[in-house]
């Protein structure tokens, strides 16, 4: 008796990642053109910079200082080592590509992008944020090499750190909102590209079980609610900032911080749902056991003893 192979979701999931890669690729030049190359965009972002306190200008803290070249290289080595221990060396190398390519792309764009002196703006170009790029790329790379049961925790911790880093760069006047959006798009592009054309991250191996359903539902809910709240409060802060006779730069800065948070959370959410860790996607992982549990005809046939 010939067994009929169960069609897996590999192709559809790779197309999903490919679409996210295209989205990230398009967002970078689009945001740069609107926020950096137009007088309106420059005035809007400079209004937020006006809310930075002089005592905080170009300050720093531990969260920002952690991101450095030695730390990036150490992270890549650790990820490759973890992947090698899990017999997934190709995935570890792919994760390394996500981090290194994202960092290199952010640095390259910052060097070739120019910020024309329009709208009375003479501040130098800061597009995109290298710190935000690395924080997100590191999260996405660690997710690639982590067992599925640990990904909810990794996602929440990594997203919180990335949001904190993005906020700090805005609070200290290092970066504008468009810098964070551009950084998010760069990290999204590289993780999506590697997931679309690189080695398959999840093979349904025994022992790589999913996290409890409630944990996965909790992460999905947290990401959705946090993104929505940040968006609503950010819009309110922006309205307060521009509604008076004189702009309230402090309120506009709050709106900018929340817009940066929305950018980070939206990208993390996109990767979370595309990864299939959300409970609604768990059925599409292509695990033979899950197919058997659903009574798939092919899996049932595979359990039948062939007639002699």
Protein backbone atom coordinates (compact mmCIF):
# COMPACT_ATOMS: atom_id res chain seq x y z
CA UNK A 1 0.00 0.00 0.00
CA UNK A 2 1.41 3.37 -0.99
CA UNK A 3 1.31 6.16 1.58
CA UNK A 4 0.11 9.52 0.41
CA UNK A 5 2.44 12.28 1.66
CA UNK A 6 0.82 14.99 3.76
CA UNK A 7 1.27 18.35 2.06
CA UNK A 8 3.02 20.75 4.40
CA UNK A 9 2.70 24.51 4.72
CA UNK A 10 6.36 25.16 3.84
CA UNK A 11 5.66 26.90 0.54
CA UNK A 12 2.85 29.08 1.88
CA UNK A 13 4.91 30.04 4.93
CA UNK A 14 7.91 30.94 2.78
CA UNK A 15 5.65 33.15 0.66
CA UNK A 16 4.44 34.77 3.88
CA UNK A 17 8.01 35.62 4.83
CA UNK A 18 8.74 36.81 1.30
CA UNK A 19 5.85 39.28 1.49
CA UNK A 20 7.17 40.61 4.79
CA UNK A 21 10.62 41.02 3.21
CA UNK A 22 9.09 43.06 0.39
CA UNK A 23 7.22 45.16 2.93
CA UNK A 24 10.40 45.92 4.87
CA UNK A 25 12.26 46.72 1.65
CA UNK A 26 9.58 49.23 0.61
CA UNK A 27 9.17 50.92 3.99
CA UNK A 28 12.81 52.05 4.28
CA UNK A 29 12.95 54.38 1.24
CA UNK A 30 9.34 55.43 1.72
CA UNK A 31 9.87 56.63 5.30
CA UNK A 32 13.15 58.29 4.34
CA UNK A 33 11.49 60.16 1.46
CA UNK A 34 8.55 61.38 3.55
CA UNK A 35 10.25 62.17 6.87
CA UNK A 36 13.72 63.28 5.78
CA UNK A 37 13.39 64.71 2.28
CA UNK A 38 10.31 66.89 2.82
CA UNK A 39 10.00 70.16 4.80
CA UNK A 40 6.86 68.91 6.55
CA UNK A 41 8.56 65.70 7.66
CA UNK A 42 11.59 67.54 9.00
CA UNK A 43 9.50 70.10 10.87
CA UNK A 44 7.38 67.36 12.47
CA UNK A 45 10.38 65.40 13.71
CA UNK A 46 12.29 68.49 14.84
CA UNK A 47 9.23 69.47 16.89
CA UNK A 48 9.64 66.24 18.85
CA UNK A 49 13.37 66.89 19.30
CA UNK A 50 12.43 70.23 20.79
CA UNK A 51 10.95 68.36 23.73
CA UNK A 52 14.28 66.77 24.70
CA UNK A 53 15.59 68.27 27.92
CA UNK A 54 19.04 69.80 27.74
CA UNK A 55 20.15 67.64 30.64
CA UNK A 56 19.19 64.52 28.65
CA UNK A 57 20.55 65.60 25.26
CA UNK A 58 22.95 62.95 23.91
CA UNK A 59 22.92 61.16 27.23
CA UNK A 60 23.12 57.38 27.54
CA UNK A 61 22.53 54.45 29.85
CA UNK A 62 23.40 50.79 30.22
CA UNK A 63 20.73 49.55 27.81
CA UNK A 64 22.24 51.59 25.00
CA UNK A 65 25.87 51.00 25.92
CA UNK A 66 25.38 47.23 25.80
CA UNK A 67 24.96 47.40 22.03
CA UNK A 68 28.50 47.36 20.64
CA UNK A 69 30.55 45.49 18.06
CA UNK A 70 32.07 43.01 20.57
CA UNK A 71 28.63 42.22 22.00
CA UNK A 72 27.20 41.72 18.51
CA UNK A 73 30.00 39.30 17.58
CA UNK A 74 29.62 37.44 20.89
CA UNK A 75 25.89 37.12 20.28
CA UNK A 76 26.49 35.63 16.83
CA UNK A 77 28.99 33.11 18.23
CA UNK A 78 26.58 32.08 21.01
CA UNK A 79 23.69 31.65 18.59
CA UNK A 80 25.73 29.51 16.23
CA UNK A 81 26.92 27.41 19.19
CA UNK A 82 23.34 26.89 20.42
CA UNK A 83 22.21 25.96 16.92
CA UNK A 84 25.13 23.53 16.58
CA UNK A 85 24.20 21.89 19.90
CA UNK A 86 20.65 21.46 18.56
CA UNK A 87 22.04 20.05 15.29
CA UNK A 88 20.69 23.05 13.42
CA UNK A 89 23.95 24.68 12.33
CA UNK A 90 22.44 26.04 9.11
CA UNK A 91 19.74 27.82 11.13
CA UNK A 92 22.40 29.27 13.42
CA UNK A 93 24.33 30.61 10.46
CA UNK A 94 21.10 32.10 9.10
CA UNK A 95 20.50 33.80 12.44
CA UNK A 96 24.01 35.21 12.28
CA UNK A 97 23.26 36.60 8.84
CA UNK A 98 20.17 38.36 10.22
CA UNK A 99 22.21 40.19 12.86
CA UNK A 100 25.29 41.01 10.79
CA UNK A 101 23.42 41.95 7.61
CA UNK A 102 20.98 44.15 9.54
CA UNK A 103 23.84 45.97 11.26
CA UNK A 104 25.74 46.39 8.00
CA UNK A 105 22.66 47.64 6.15
CA UNK A 106 21.85 50.16 8.86
CA UNK A 107 25.41 51.48 8.81
CA UNK A 108 25.49 51.65 5.02
CA UNK A 109 22.17 53.49 4.75
CA UNK A 110 23.25 55.98 7.41
CA UNK A 111 26.43 56.77 5.46
CA UNK A 112 24.80 57.18 2.04
CA UNK A 113 21.60 58.91 3.18
CA UNK A 114 21.67 62.69 3.36
CA UNK A 115 19.50 65.09 5.30
CA UNK A 116 19.08 68.26 3.21
CA UNK A 117 19.00 71.58 5.05
CA UNK A 118 15.37 72.44 4.48
CA UNK A 119 12.69 73.73 6.84
CA UNK A 120 15.41 75.52 8.85
CA UNK A 121 16.79 72.15 9.92
CA UNK A 122 20.58 71.92 10.20
CA UNK A 123 20.83 68.76 12.32
CA UNK A 124 22.85 65.92 10.77
CA UNK A 125 21.33 62.76 9.33
CA UNK A 126 20.55 60.03 11.86
CA UNK A 127 18.47 57.69 9.66
CA UNK A 128 18.20 54.82 10.56
CA UNK A 129 18.88 53.91 14.19
CA UNK A 130 21.64 51.35 14.52
CA UNK A 131 20.74 50.61 18.14
CA UNK A 132 17.12 49.83 17.32
CA UNK A 133 18.20 47.76 14.32
CA UNK A 134 20.50 45.59 16.43
CA UNK A 135 17.98 45.22 19.26
CA UNK A 136 15.33 43.90 16.86
CA UNK A 137 17.68 41.82 14.72
CA UNK A 138 19.07 40.16 17.86
CA UNK A 139 15.55 39.29 19.01
CA UNK A 140 14.62 37.79 15.65
CA UNK A 141 17.87 35.83 15.45
CA UNK A 142 17.51 34.42 18.97
CA UNK A 143 13.95 33.36 18.10
CA UNK A 144 15.30 31.39 15.15
CA UNK A 145 17.65 29.28 17.27
CA UNK A 146 15.35 28.95 20.30
CA UNK A 147 13.15 25.89 20.82
CA UNK A 148 9.51 26.70 20.18
CA UNK A 149 8.53 26.22 23.82
CA UNK A 150 10.81 29.12 24.83
CA UNK A 151 9.76 31.57 22.11
CA UNK A 152 6.90 33.25 24.02
CA UNK A 153 9.30 34.25 26.81
CA UNK A 154 12.02 35.28 24.35
CA UNK A 155 9.51 37.37 22.40
CA UNK A 156 8.22 39.29 25.43
CA UNK A 157 11.68 39.95 26.90
CA UNK A 158 13.19 40.89 23.55
CA UNK A 159 10.29 43.14 22.58
CA UNK A 160 10.44 44.95 25.92
CA UNK A 161 14.17 45.54 25.51
CA UNK A 162 13.79 46.74 21.91
CA UNK A 163 11.00 49.16 22.91
CA UNK A 164 13.14 50.46 25.77
CA UNK A 165 16.15 50.99 23.50
CA UNK A 166 14.05 52.79 20.89
CA UNK A 167 12.51 55.05 23.53
CA UNK A 168 15.86 55.90 25.06
CA UNK A 169 17.37 56.92 21.73
CA UNK A 170 14.44 59.30 21.22
CA UNK A 171 14.48 60.62 24.81
CA UNK A 172 18.20 61.39 24.61
CA UNK A 173 17.85 63.04 21.22
CA UNK A 174 19.98 60.47 19.41
CA UNK A 175 17.27 59.61 16.92
CA UNK A 176 13.98 60.70 15.43
CA UNK A 177 10.86 58.59 14.98
CA UNK A 178 11.64 57.89 11.31
CA UNK A 179 15.00 56.45 12.39
CA UNK A 180 13.22 53.86 14.52
CA UNK A 181 10.72 53.02 11.77
CA UNK A 182 13.56 52.60 9.27
CA UNK A 183 15.48 50.40 11.70
CA UNK A 184 12.40 48.23 12.27
CA UNK A 185 11.95 47.80 8.53
CA UNK A 186 15.60 46.82 8.01
CA UNK A 187 15.46 44.14 10.72
CA UNK A 188 12.14 42.90 9.33
CA UNK A 189 13.56 42.70 5.82
CA UNK A 190 16.53 40.56 6.79
CA UNK A 191 14.76 38.12 9.08
CA UNK A 192 11.97 37.70 6.53
CA UNK A 193 14.44 37.22 3.68
CA UNK A 194 16.42 34.59 5.57
CA UNK A 195 13.24 32.80 6.65
CA UNK A 196 11.93 32.91 3.06
CA UNK A 197 15.00 31.53 1.26
CA UNK A 198 17.12 30.06 4.06
CA UNK A 199 16.97 26.77 5.96
CA UNK A 200 13.66 25.74 7.46
CA UNK A 201 13.67 26.75 11.11
CA UNK A 202 11.06 24.28 12.39
CA UNK A 203 11.17 20.65 11.30
CA UNK A 204 8.73 19.23 13.81
CA UNK A 205 11.47 17.24 15.52
CA UNK A 206 10.65 15.27 18.62
CA UNK A 207 11.36 17.37 21.69
CA UNK A 208 10.80 20.72 19.94
CA UNK A 209 7.29 21.02 21.26
CA UNK A 210 5.23 24.18 21.38
CA UNK A 211 4.77 26.31 24.46
CA UNK A 212 1.45 25.89 26.29
CA UNK A 213 -1.45 27.31 24.34
CA UNK A 214 -2.23 29.85 27.07
CA UNK A 215 1.33 31.20 26.92
CA UNK A 216 1.10 31.67 23.16
CA UNK A 217 -2.31 33.28 23.45
CA UNK A 218 -0.96 35.56 26.15
CA UNK A 219 1.90 36.78 23.97
CA UNK A 220 -0.47 37.45 21.08
CA UNK A 221 -2.80 39.38 23.36
CA UNK A 222 0.02 41.40 24.93
CA UNK A 223 1.43 42.40 21.55
CA UNK A 224 -1.96 43.41 20.16
CA UNK A 225 -3.09 45.32 23.26
CA UNK A 226 0.26 47.05 23.77
CA UNK A 227 0.38 48.15 20.14
CA UNK A 228 -3.17 49.45 20.26
CA UNK A 229 -2.69 51.33 23.53
CA UNK A 230 0.56 52.91 22.38
CA UNK A 231 -1.12 54.02 19.17
CA UNK A 232 -4.14 55.55 20.91
CA UNK A 233 -2.13 57.33 23.63
CA UNK A 234 0.35 58.54 21.02
CA UNK A 235 -2.40 60.09 18.93
CA UNK A 236 -3.85 61.80 22.03
CA UNK A 237 -0.41 63.16 22.96
CA UNK A 238 0.08 64.47 19.42
CA UNK A 239 -3.29 66.22 19.45
CA UNK A 240 -2.44 67.83 22.80
CA UNK A 241 0.94 68.88 21.50
CA UNK A 242 -0.30 70.67 18.39
CA UNK A 243 -3.68 71.95 19.55
CA UNK A 244 -2.49 75.04 21.44
CA UNK A 245 -1.35 78.38 20.06
CA UNK A 246 2.23 77.29 20.75
CA UNK A 247 3.28 73.71 20.25
CA UNK A 248 3.82 71.65 23.39
CA UNK A 249 7.12 70.03 22.47
CA UNK A 250 7.10 67.78 25.53
CA UNK A 251 3.77 66.27 24.47
CA UNK A 252 5.01 65.89 20.91
CA UNK A 253 8.08 64.09 22.23
CA UNK A 254 5.79 61.68 24.11
CA UNK A 255 3.91 61.10 20.86
CA UNK A 256 7.21 60.41 19.13
CA UNK A 257 8.25 57.91 21.77
CA UNK A 258 4.94 56.09 21.48
CA UNK A 259 5.15 56.11 17.69
CA UNK A 260 8.57 54.48 18.00
CA UNK A 261 7.08 51.88 20.34
CA UNK A 262 4.28 51.16 17.87
CA UNK A 263 6.85 50.61 15.12
CA UNK A 264 8.80 48.11 17.23
CA UNK A 265 5.73 46.27 18.50
CA UNK A 266 4.14 46.08 15.04
CA UNK A 267 7.24 44.46 13.55
CA UNK A 268 7.61 42.04 16.47
CA UNK A 269 3.94 41.14 16.11
CA UNK A 270 4.33 40.54 12.38
CA UNK A 271 7.25 38.17 12.99
CA UNK A 272 5.43 36.45 15.88
CA UNK A 273 2.37 35.65 13.77
CA UNK A 274 4.39 34.77 10.66
CA UNK A 275 6.50 32.38 12.74
CA UNK A 276 3.38 30.35 13.47
CA UNK A 277 3.76 30.50 17.25
CA UNK A 278 0.26 31.93 17.61
CA UNK A 279 -2.23 29.16 18.54
CA UNK A 280 -4.28 29.72 15.40
CA UNK A 281 -1.25 28.84 13.31
CA UNK A 282 -0.11 25.85 15.33
CA UNK A 283 -2.14 23.47 13.21
CA UNK A 284 -0.14 24.47 10.16
CA UNK A 285 3.28 23.49 11.44
CA UNK A 286 3.33 20.29 9.48
CA UNK A 287 3.95 18.02 12.46
CA UNK A 288 3.10 14.42 11.62
CA UNK A 289 1.68 13.91 15.10
CA UNK A 290 -0.65 16.87 14.78
CA UNK A 291 -1.90 15.58 11.45
CA UNK A 292 -2.61 12.19 13.00
CA UNK A 293 -4.39 13.82 15.92
CA UNK A 294 -6.71 15.63 13.52
CA UNK A 295 -7.55 12.40 11.76
CA UNK A 296 -5.95 13.39 8.48
CA UNK A 297 -6.76 10.75 5.83
CA UNK A 298 -3.15 10.41 4.80
CA UNK A 299 -1.95 9.98 8.37
CA UNK A 300 -4.66 7.42 9.03
CA UNK A 301 -3.60 5.51 5.94
CA UNK A 302 -0.02 5.64 7.16
CA UNK A 303 -1.02 3.86 10.35
CA UNK A 304 -2.79 1.03 8.54
CA UNK A 305 -0.91 -2.21 8.09
CA UNK A 306 -0.34 -2.83 4.39
CA UNK A 307 -2.15 -5.91 3.10
CA UNK A 308 0.10 -8.75 2.04
